[in-house]
Amino acid sequence: MQDCDLEYDPEEYKKLIEPFTKYDADVVLGSRFKGSGAKRIIYFTNHIANKFLTFLANLLLNRNFSDIETGYKVIKKKKLDLIKLEQNRFGIEIELIMKLSRIDSKIYEIGINYNGRTYNDGKKIKFIDGVIATYLIFYYFFKR
């Protein structure tokens, strides 16, 4: 999966495939907060919101993700087939993390480059999306 706005470079999929062949990964996430690649510096509030959401999910799941809101992920189909997806907007990121964590997936992160867009460039995420994401973390944590 990749956001279609090209904030993530499709050439970096090569890096995301390695943990599948080397470690038998089930899921690989591209982390904007790991690695030494180029990262465009933009909105502090978005960064803090992402860190808060990641912290909250980590706390509830007992995991150590660095970037749960990444739009750059590779998932084995057999794992996707085990979960029923409901979200069709930004909430899909939370739903995937919460559900894939619950079914005992081998999840890896790889540092990626990130060429973030500004709102003038067409960035769509808003404050309300952060509120919804917070709700969804609890919703999918308590939903059985």
C-alpha atoms as a PDB file:
ATOM      1  CA  MET A   1       0.000   0.000   0.000  1.00  0.00           C
ATOM      2  CA  GLN A   2       1.188   3.482  -0.755  1.00  0.00           C
ATOM      3  CA  ASP A   3      -0.403   6.904  -0.561  1.00  0.00           C
ATOM      4  CA  CYS A   4      -0.954   8.096  -4.102  1.00  0.00           C
ATOM      5  CA  ASP A   5       0.373  11.620  -3.499  1.00  0.00           C
ATOM      6  CA  LEU A   6       4.040  10.582  -3.960  1.00  0.00           C
ATOM      7  CA  GLU A   7       5.205  11.776  -0.542  1.00  0.00           C
ATOM      8  CA  TYR A   8       6.833   8.332  -0.526  1.00  0.00           C
ATOM      9  CA  ASP A   9       9.200   7.234  -3.292  1.00  0.00           C
ATOM     10  CA  PRO A  10       8.047   4.002  -5.027  1.00  0.00           C
ATOM     11  CA  GLU A  11      11.725   3.141  -5.597  1.00  0.00           C
ATOM     12  CA  GLU A  12      12.016   2.468  -1.861  1.00  0.00           C
ATOM     13  CA  TYR A  13       9.799  -0.597  -2.057  1.00  0.00           C
ATOM     14  CA  LYS A  14      13.007  -2.537  -2.590  1.00  0.00           C
ATOM     15  CA  LYS A  15      13.930  -1.760   1.027  1.00  0.00           C
ATOM     16  CA  LEU A  16      10.504  -2.833   2.262  1.00  0.00           C
ATOM     17  CA  ILE A  17      10.721  -6.237   0.558  1.00  0.00           C
ATOM     18  CA  GLU A  18      13.993  -7.321   2.229  1.00  0.00           C
ATOM     19  CA  PRO A  19      12.467  -8.270   5.642  1.00  0.00           C
ATOM     20  CA  PHE A  20      10.085 -10.672   3.841  1.00  0.00           C
ATOM     21  CA  THR A  21      12.924 -12.626   2.278  1.00  0.00           C
ATOM     22  CA  LYS A  22      15.408 -12.275   5.138  1.00  0.00           C
ATOM     23  CA  TYR A  23      13.167 -12.577   8.236  1.00  0.00           C
ATOM     24  CA  ASP A  24       9.872 -14.023   6.939  1.00  0.00           C
ATOM     25  CA  ALA A  25       8.052 -10.806   7.833  1.00  0.00           C
ATOM     26  CA  ASP A  26       4.271 -10.591   7.592  1.00  0.00           C
ATOM     27  CA  VAL A  27       4.129  -6.795   7.538  1.00  0.00           C
ATOM     28  CA  VAL A  28       6.715  -4.122   6.781  1.00  0.00           C
ATOM     29  CA  LEU A  29       6.053  -0.460   7.504  1.00  0.00           C
ATOM     30  CA  GLY A  30       8.053   2.416   6.115  1.00  0.00           C
ATOM     31  CA  SER A  31       8.887   4.729   9.005  1.00  0.00           C
ATOM     32  CA  ARG A  32       9.359   8.437   8.412  1.00  0.00           C
ATOM     33  CA  PHE A  33      11.068   8.667  11.799  1.00  0.00           C
ATOM     34  CA  LYS A  34      13.789   6.052  11.316  1.00  0.00           C
ATOM     35  CA  GLY A  35      16.801   5.940   9.052  1.00  0.00           C
ATOM     36  CA  SER A  36      19.065   8.587   7.635  1.00  0.00           C
ATOM     37  CA  GLY A  37      17.257   9.320   4.364  1.00  0.00           C
ATOM     38  CA  ALA A  38      15.885  12.685   3.308  1.00  0.00           C
ATOM     39  CA  LYS A  39      12.821  13.923   5.172  1.00  0.00           C
ATOM     40  CA  ARG A  40      11.126  17.183   4.331  1.00  0.00           C
ATOM     41  CA  ILE A  41      10.607  19.304   7.435  1.00  0.00           C
ATOM     42  CA  ILE A  42       7.078  20.637   7.572  1.00  0.00           C
ATOM     43  CA  TYR A  43       4.391  20.722  10.271  1.00  0.00           C
ATOM     44  CA  PHE A  44       5.327  20.382  13.944  1.00  0.00           C
ATOM     45  CA  THR A  45       1.687  19.826  14.971  1.00  0.00           C
ATOM     46  CA  ASN A  46       1.322  16.902  12.561  1.00  0.00           C
ATOM     47  CA  HIS A  47       4.548  15.404  13.922  1.00  0.00           C
ATOM     48  CA  ILE A  48       3.333  15.692  17.524  1.00  0.00           C
ATOM     49  CA  ALA A  49      -0.077  14.251  16.611  1.00  0.00           C
ATOM     50  CA  ASN A  50       1.615  11.281  14.945  1.00  0.00           C
ATOM     51  CA  LYS A  51       3.875  10.736  17.967  1.00  0.00           C
ATOM     52  CA  PHE A  52       0.832  10.876  20.285  1.00  0.00           C
ATOM     53  CA  LEU A  53      -1.141   8.370  18.208  1.00  0.00           C
ATOM     54  CA  THR A  54       1.877   6.079  17.943  1.00  0.00           C
ATOM     55  CA  PHE A  55       2.490   6.312  21.713  1.00  0.00           C
ATOM     56  CA  LEU A  56      -1.144   5.508  22.483  1.00  0.00           C
ATOM     57  CA  ALA A  57      -1.191   2.479  20.172  1.00  0.00           C
ATOM     58  CA  ASN A  58       2.154   1.282  21.556  1.00  0.00           C
ATOM     59  CA  LEU A  59       0.869   1.602  25.112  1.00  0.00           C
ATOM     60  CA  LEU A  60      -2.270  -0.423  24.413  1.00  0.00           C
ATOM     61  CA  LEU A  61      -0.623  -3.013  22.163  1.00  0.00           C
ATOM     62  CA  ASN A  62       2.671  -3.319  24.073  1.00  0.00           C
ATOM     63  CA  ARG A  63       4.594  -2.670  20.856  1.00  0.00           C
ATOM     64  CA  ASN A  64       7.307  -0.204  19.848  1.00  0.00           C
ATOM     65  CA  PHE A  65       6.169   1.261  16.542  1.00  0.00           C
ATOM     66  CA  SER A  66       7.742   4.538  15.497  1.00  0.00           C
ATOM     67  CA  ASP A  67       5.187   5.619  12.838  1.00  0.00           C
ATOM     68  CA  ILE A  68       1.732   4.016  12.809  1.00  0.00           C
ATOM     69  CA  GLU A  69       0.329   6.634  10.447  1.00  0.00           C
ATOM     70  CA  THR A  70       2.719   5.783   7.647  1.00  0.00           C
ATOM     71  CA  GLY A  71       1.191   5.572   4.200  1.00  0.00           C
ATOM     72  CA  TYR A  72       3.869   3.128   3.077  1.00  0.00           C
ATOM     73  CA  LYS A  73       3.388  -0.534   3.938  1.00  0.00           C
ATOM     74  CA  VAL A  74       3.699  -4.040   2.510  1.00  0.00           C
ATOM     75  CA  ILE A  75       1.506  -6.814   3.919  1.00  0.00           C
ATOM     76  CA  LYS A  76       1.300 -10.507   3.077  1.00  0.00           C
ATOM     77  CA  LYS A  77      -2.045 -11.310   1.510  1.00  0.00           C
ATOM     78  CA  LYS A  78      -2.559 -14.264   3.842  1.00  0.00           C
ATOM     79  CA  LYS A  79      -2.512 -11.810   6.779  1.00  0.00           C
ATOM     80  CA  LEU A  80      -4.877  -9.384   5.060  1.00  0.00           C
ATOM     81  CA  ASP A  81      -7.264 -12.262   4.386  1.00  0.00           C
ATOM     82  CA  LEU A  82      -7.535 -12.817   8.154  1.00  0.00           C
ATOM     83  CA  ILE A  83      -8.960  -9.364   8.864  1.00  0.00           C
ATOM     84  CA  LYS A  84     -12.069  -7.595   7.655  1.00  0.00           C
ATOM     85  CA  LEU A  85     -11.327  -3.975   6.781  1.00  0.00           C
ATOM     86  CA  GLU A  86     -13.942  -1.321   7.499  1.00  0.00           C
ATOM     87  CA  GLN A  87     -12.219   2.039   7.041  1.00  0.00           C
ATOM     88  CA  ASN A  88     -11.896   3.848   3.711  1.00  0.00           C
ATOM     89  CA  ARG A  89     -10.121   7.049   4.756  1.00  0.00           C
ATOM     90  CA  PHE A  90      -7.212   7.950   7.040  1.00  0.00           C
ATOM     91  CA  GLY A  91      -8.614   5.553   9.655  1.00  0.00           C
ATOM     92  CA  ILE A  92      -7.336   2.622   7.598  1.00  0.00           C
ATOM     93  CA  GLU A  93      -3.848   3.184   9.047  1.00  0.00           C
ATOM     94  CA  ILE A  94      -5.086   2.688  12.620  1.00  0.00           C
ATOM     95  CA  GLU A  95      -7.352  -0.216  11.704  1.00  0.00           C
ATOM     96  CA  LEU A  96      -4.518  -2.076   9.982  1.00  0.00           C
ATOM     97  CA  ILE A  97      -2.073  -1.587  12.870  1.00  0.00           C
ATOM     98  CA  MET A  98      -4.574  -2.588  15.533  1.00  0.00           C
ATOM     99  CA  LYS A  99      -5.883  -5.640  13.688  1.00  0.00           C
ATOM    100  CA  LEU A 100      -2.544  -6.893  12.338  1.00  0.00           C
ATOM    101  CA  SER A 101      -1.043  -6.581  15.835  1.00  0.00           C
ATOM    102  CA  ARG A 102      -3.860  -8.625  17.309  1.00  0.00           C
ATOM    103  CA  ILE A 103      -3.369 -11.580  14.941  1.00  0.00           C
ATOM    104  CA  ASP A 104       0.265 -12.078  15.919  1.00  0.00           C
ATOM    105  CA  SER A 105       1.897 -10.693  12.789  1.00  0.00           C
ATOM    106  CA  LYS A 106       5.670 -10.412  12.433  1.00  0.00           C
ATOM    107  CA  ILE A 107       5.920  -6.660  11.866  1.00  0.00           C
ATOM    108  CA  TYR A 108       9.069  -4.792  10.839  1.00  0.00           C
ATOM    109  CA  GLU A 109       9.855  -1.136  10.185  1.00  0.00           C
ATOM    110  CA  ILE A 110      12.292   0.303   7.672  1.00  0.00           C
ATOM    111  CA  GLY A 111      13.434   3.926   7.628  1.00  0.00           C
ATOM    112  CA  ILE A 112      12.269   5.694   4.483  1.00  0.00           C
ATOM    113  CA  ASN A 113      12.659   9.041   2.793  1.00  0.00           C
ATOM    114  CA  TYR A 114       9.702  11.373   3.077  1.00  0.00           C
ATOM    115  CA  ASN A 115       8.861  14.295   0.823  1.00  0.00           C
ATOM    116  CA  GLY A 116       5.892  15.661   2.775  1.00  0.00           C
ATOM    117  CA  ARG A 117       3.448  18.035   1.162  1.00  0.00           C
ATOM    118  CA  THR A 118       2.112  21.313   2.506  1.00  0.00           C
ATOM    119  CA  TYR A 119      -1.577  22.162   2.629  1.00  0.00           C
ATOM    120  CA  ASN A 120      -0.946  24.421  -0.369  1.00  0.00           C
ATOM    121  CA  ASP A 121       0.457  21.366  -2.164  1.00  0.00           C
ATOM    122  CA  GLY A 122      -2.792  19.510  -1.472  1.00  0.00           C
ATOM    123  CA  LYS A 123      -2.230  17.812   1.902  1.00  0.00           C
ATOM    124  CA  LYS A 124      -5.656  16.704   3.138  1.00  0.00           C
ATOM    125  CA  ILE A 125      -5.205  15.592   6.776  1.00  0.00           C
ATOM    126  CA  LYS A 126      -6.936  17.817   9.344  1.00  0.00           C
ATOM    127  CA  PHE A 127      -7.295  18.055  13.137  1.00  0.00           C
ATOM    128  CA  ILE A 128     -10.550  16.077  13.056  1.00  0.00           C
ATOM    129  CA  ASP A 129      -8.673  13.151  11.479  1.00  0.00           C
ATOM    130  CA  GLY A 130      -6.443  13.025  14.566  1.00  0.00           C
ATOM    131  CA  VAL A 131      -9.498  12.966  16.825  1.00  0.00           C
ATOM    132  CA  ILE A 132     -10.995  10.155  14.741  1.00  0.00           C
ATOM    133  CA  ALA A 133      -7.685   8.244  14.844  1.00  0.00           C
ATOM    134  CA  THR A 134      -7.609   8.504  18.655  1.00  0.00           C
ATOM    135  CA  TYR A 135     -11.161   7.152  18.832  1.00  0.00           C
ATOM    136  CA  LEU A 136     -10.300   4.327  16.412  1.00  0.00           C
ATOM    137  CA  ILE A 137      -7.296   3.239  18.486  1.00  0.00           C
ATOM    138  CA  PHE A 138      -9.608   2.630  21.444  1.00  0.00           C
ATOM    139  CA  TYR A 139     -12.400   1.256  19.251  1.00  0.00           C
ATOM    140  CA  TYR A 140     -10.196  -1.404  17.639  1.00  0.00           C
ATOM    141  CA  PHE A 141      -8.388  -2.151  20.897  1.00  0.00           C
ATOM    142  CA  PHE A 142     -11.615  -2.990  22.725  1.00  0.00           C
ATOM    143  CA  LYS A 143     -13.466  -4.526  19.761  1.00  0.00           C
ATOM    144  CA  ARG A 144     -13.192  -8.319  19.772  1.00  0.00           C
END
